[in-house]
Amino acid sequence: MTRARAQDTNVCGVTAAIAVIDGKWKTALLWALEFGPQRPGELRRRLPEISEKVLTQALREMEADELVHREVYDELPLKTVYSLTAYGRELADALAPLSDWGHRRLNRLTEARAAT
């Protein structure tokens, strides 16, 4: 899904929501930021497979979609901290039941594989 799709007002609500979290890392970043404000290095440690470039890009898109707040502290070295906005927390809360469903699905798949 393209970034333009995330701005399209002529789509159903589910499509609009998925457009905001589209991609491999945004839901994982939402989950990581639910633990509280974090610096980019902390996010990379939580998600070691994410590259610096992709992390930066995803956080910028999430900031543009008003899901995360970026705060830069004027000290040396510069310190940047990301946190969920109220809007981002609302999305994380909305995704919780979907996450529960996903875990139940994974459990069913595991049980089915064990039965064969």
C-alpha atoms as a PDB file:
ATOM      1  CA  MET A   1       0.000   0.000   0.000  1.00  0.00           C
ATOM      2  CA  THR A   2       1.412   3.388  -0.871  1.00  0.00           C
ATOM      3  CA  ARG A   3       1.743   6.385   1.438  1.00  0.00           C
ATOM      4  CA  ALA A   4      -0.784   8.198  -0.748  1.00  0.00           C
ATOM      5  CA  ARG A   5      -3.332   5.526   0.186  1.00  0.00           C
ATOM      6  CA  ALA A   6      -2.919   6.485   3.856  1.00  0.00           C
ATOM      7  CA  GLN A   7      -4.180   9.978   2.973  1.00  0.00           C
ATOM      8  CA  ASP A   8      -7.110   8.824   0.797  1.00  0.00           C
ATOM      9  CA  THR A   9     -10.420   9.814   2.415  1.00  0.00           C
ATOM     10  CA  ASN A  10     -12.461   7.652   0.008  1.00  0.00           C
ATOM     11  CA  VAL A  11     -11.671   4.278   1.571  1.00  0.00           C
ATOM     12  CA  CYS A  12     -13.312   2.172   4.248  1.00  0.00           C
ATOM     13  CA  GLY A  13     -12.180   2.589   7.851  1.00  0.00           C
ATOM     14  CA  VAL A  14     -10.291  -0.700   7.974  1.00  0.00           C
ATOM     15  CA  THR A  15      -8.303   0.227   4.868  1.00  0.00           C
ATOM     16  CA  ALA A  16      -7.534   3.639   6.384  1.00  0.00           C
ATOM     17  CA  ALA A  17      -6.277   2.009   9.588  1.00  0.00           C
ATOM     18  CA  ILE A  18      -4.193  -0.592   7.770  1.00  0.00           C
ATOM     19  CA  ALA A  19      -2.643   2.115   5.587  1.00  0.00           C
ATOM     20  CA  VAL A  20      -1.260   3.775   8.727  1.00  0.00           C
ATOM     21  CA  ILE A  21       0.314   0.567  10.081  1.00  0.00           C
ATOM     22  CA  ASP A  22       1.282  -0.902   6.730  1.00  0.00           C
ATOM     23  CA  GLY A  23       4.752  -2.352   6.541  1.00  0.00           C
ATOM     24  CA  LYS A  24       6.797  -4.849   8.454  1.00  0.00           C
ATOM     25  CA  TRP A  25       7.866  -2.674  11.381  1.00  0.00           C
ATOM     26  CA  LYS A  26       5.175  -0.189  12.363  1.00  0.00           C
ATOM     27  CA  THR A  27       3.133  -2.543  14.531  1.00  0.00           C
ATOM     28  CA  ALA A  28       6.330  -3.722  16.236  1.00  0.00           C
ATOM     29  CA  LEU A  29       7.320  -0.098  16.854  1.00  0.00           C
ATOM     30  CA  LEU A  30       3.877   0.641  18.297  1.00  0.00           C
ATOM     31  CA  TRP A  31       4.314  -2.337  20.614  1.00  0.00           C
ATOM     32  CA  ALA A  32       7.810  -1.223  21.654  1.00  0.00           C
ATOM     33  CA  LEU A  33       6.669   2.321  22.371  1.00  0.00           C
ATOM     34  CA  GLU A  34       3.857   1.042  24.583  1.00  0.00           C
ATOM     35  CA  PHE A  35       6.600   0.420  27.178  1.00  0.00           C
ATOM     36  CA  GLY A  36       7.208   4.178  27.315  1.00  0.00           C
ATOM     37  CA  PRO A  37       9.357   6.823  25.615  1.00  0.00           C
ATOM     38  CA  GLN A  38      12.476   5.442  23.944  1.00  0.00           C
ATOM     39  CA  ARG A  39      15.515   6.608  22.092  1.00  0.00           C
ATOM     40  CA  PRO A  40      16.243   5.208  18.616  1.00  0.00           C
ATOM     41  CA  GLY A  41      19.041   3.030  19.992  1.00  0.00           C
ATOM     42  CA  GLU A  42      16.649   1.469  22.497  1.00  0.00           C
ATOM     43  CA  LEU A  43      14.183   0.725  19.712  1.00  0.00           C
ATOM     44  CA  ARG A  44      16.971  -0.901  17.670  1.00  0.00           C
ATOM     45  CA  ARG A  45      17.880  -3.110  20.636  1.00  0.00           C
ATOM     46  CA  ARG A  46      14.239  -4.198  20.983  1.00  0.00           C
ATOM     47  CA  LEU A  47      14.029  -4.840  17.225  1.00  0.00           C
ATOM     48  CA  PRO A  48      17.563  -5.883  16.226  1.00  0.00           C
ATOM     49  CA  GLU A  49      16.558  -6.907  12.682  1.00  0.00           C
ATOM     50  CA  ILE A  50      15.458  -3.379  11.714  1.00  0.00           C
ATOM     51  CA  SER A  51      17.994  -1.271   9.847  1.00  0.00           C
ATOM     52  CA  GLU A  52      18.712   2.321  10.838  1.00  0.00           C
ATOM     53  CA  LYS A  53      17.299   3.569   7.535  1.00  0.00           C
ATOM     54  CA  VAL A  54      14.028   1.656   7.885  1.00  0.00           C
ATOM     55  CA  LEU A  55      13.685   2.658  11.539  1.00  0.00           C
ATOM     56  CA  THR A  56      14.108   6.321  10.655  1.00  0.00           C
ATOM     57  CA  GLN A  57      11.676   6.079   7.741  1.00  0.00           C
ATOM     58  CA  ALA A  58       9.012   4.261   9.772  1.00  0.00           C
ATOM     59  CA  LEU A  59       9.296   6.705  12.675  1.00  0.00           C
ATOM     60  CA  ARG A  60       9.031   9.683  10.314  1.00  0.00           C
ATOM     61  CA  GLU A  61       5.901   8.229   8.719  1.00  0.00           C
ATOM     62  CA  MET A  62       4.419   7.464  12.133  1.00  0.00           C
ATOM     63  CA  GLU A  63       5.211  11.010  13.239  1.00  0.00           C
ATOM     64  CA  ALA A  64       3.538  12.395  10.098  1.00  0.00           C
ATOM     65  CA  ASP A  65       0.483  10.237  10.892  1.00  0.00           C
ATOM     66  CA  GLU A  66       0.526  11.666  14.451  1.00  0.00           C
ATOM     67  CA  LEU A  67       1.091   8.270  16.076  1.00  0.00           C
ATOM     68  CA  VAL A  68       4.422   9.178  17.670  1.00  0.00           C
ATOM     69  CA  HIS A  69       5.916  12.312  19.137  1.00  0.00           C
ATOM     70  CA  ARG A  70       9.572  13.100  18.494  1.00  0.00           C
ATOM     71  CA  GLU A  71      11.339  15.223  21.065  1.00  0.00           C
ATOM     72  CA  VAL A  72      14.877  16.469  20.567  1.00  0.00           C
ATOM     73  CA  TYR A  73      16.695  17.652  23.670  1.00  0.00           C
ATOM     74  CA  ASP A  74      19.113  20.513  23.162  1.00  0.00           C
ATOM     75  CA  GLU A  75      22.161  18.962  24.768  1.00  0.00           C
ATOM     76  CA  LEU A  76      25.390  17.493  23.529  1.00  0.00           C
ATOM     77  CA  PRO A  77      25.251  14.932  22.185  1.00  0.00           C
ATOM     78  CA  LEU A  78      21.756  15.547  20.864  1.00  0.00           C
ATOM     79  CA  LYS A  79      19.179  13.305  22.462  1.00  0.00           C
ATOM     80  CA  THR A  80      16.063  12.249  20.551  1.00  0.00           C
ATOM     81  CA  VAL A  81      13.200  10.470  22.280  1.00  0.00           C
ATOM     82  CA  TYR A  82      10.105   8.956  20.683  1.00  0.00           C
ATOM     83  CA  SER A  83       6.829   8.337  22.482  1.00  0.00           C
ATOM     84  CA  LEU A  84       3.286   7.422  21.549  1.00  0.00           C
ATOM     85  CA  THR A  85       0.816  10.246  21.187  1.00  0.00           C
ATOM     86  CA  ALA A  86      -2.715   9.873  22.563  1.00  0.00           C
ATOM     87  CA  TYR A  87      -3.734   9.029  18.994  1.00  0.00           C
ATOM     88  CA  GLY A  88      -1.022   6.354  18.834  1.00  0.00           C
ATOM     89  CA  ARG A  89      -2.171   4.872  22.159  1.00  0.00           C
ATOM     90  CA  GLU A  90      -5.708   4.767  20.820  1.00  0.00           C
ATOM     91  CA  LEU A  91      -4.494   2.816  17.789  1.00  0.00           C
ATOM     92  CA  ALA A  92      -2.475   0.439  19.992  1.00  0.00           C
ATOM     93  CA  ASP A  93      -5.581  -0.183  22.118  1.00  0.00           C
ATOM     94  CA  ALA A  94      -7.643  -0.808  18.987  1.00  0.00           C
ATOM     95  CA  LEU A  95      -5.060  -3.327  17.738  1.00  0.00           C
ATOM     96  CA  ALA A  96      -4.981  -5.289  21.021  1.00  0.00           C
ATOM     97  CA  PRO A  97      -7.987  -7.516  20.121  1.00  0.00           C
ATOM     98  CA  LEU A  98      -6.459  -8.175  16.698  1.00  0.00           C
ATOM     99  CA  SER A  99      -3.219  -9.176  18.411  1.00  0.00           C
ATOM    100  CA  ASP A 100      -5.141 -11.547  20.682  1.00  0.00           C
ATOM    101  CA  TRP A 101      -6.802 -13.091  17.639  1.00  0.00           C
ATOM    102  CA  GLY A 102      -3.408 -13.482  15.968  1.00  0.00           C
ATOM    103  CA  HIS A 103      -1.990 -15.293  19.009  1.00  0.00           C
ATOM    104  CA  ARG A 104      -4.988 -17.646  19.057  1.00  0.00           C
ATOM    105  CA  ARG A 105      -4.413 -18.346  15.357  1.00  0.00           C
ATOM    106  CA  LEU A 106      -0.743 -19.095  15.947  1.00  0.00           C
ATOM    107  CA  ASN A 107      -1.670 -21.458  18.790  1.00  0.00           C
ATOM    108  CA  ARG A 108      -4.110 -23.276  16.494  1.00  0.00           C
ATOM    109  CA  LEU A 109      -1.433 -23.631  13.824  1.00  0.00           C
ATOM    110  CA  THR A 110       1.024 -24.981  16.399  1.00  0.00           C
ATOM    111  CA  GLU A 111      -1.545 -27.470  17.692  1.00  0.00           C
ATOM    112  CA  ALA A 112      -2.424 -28.588  14.156  1.00  0.00           C
ATOM    113  CA  ARG A 113       1.245 -29.180  13.317  1.00  0.00           C
ATOM    114  CA  ALA A 114       1.756 -31.125  16.539  1.00  0.00           C
ATOM    115  CA  ALA A 115      -1.255 -33.336  15.719  1.00  0.00           C
ATOM    116  CA  THR A 116       0.179 -34.401  12.358  1.00  0.00           C
END
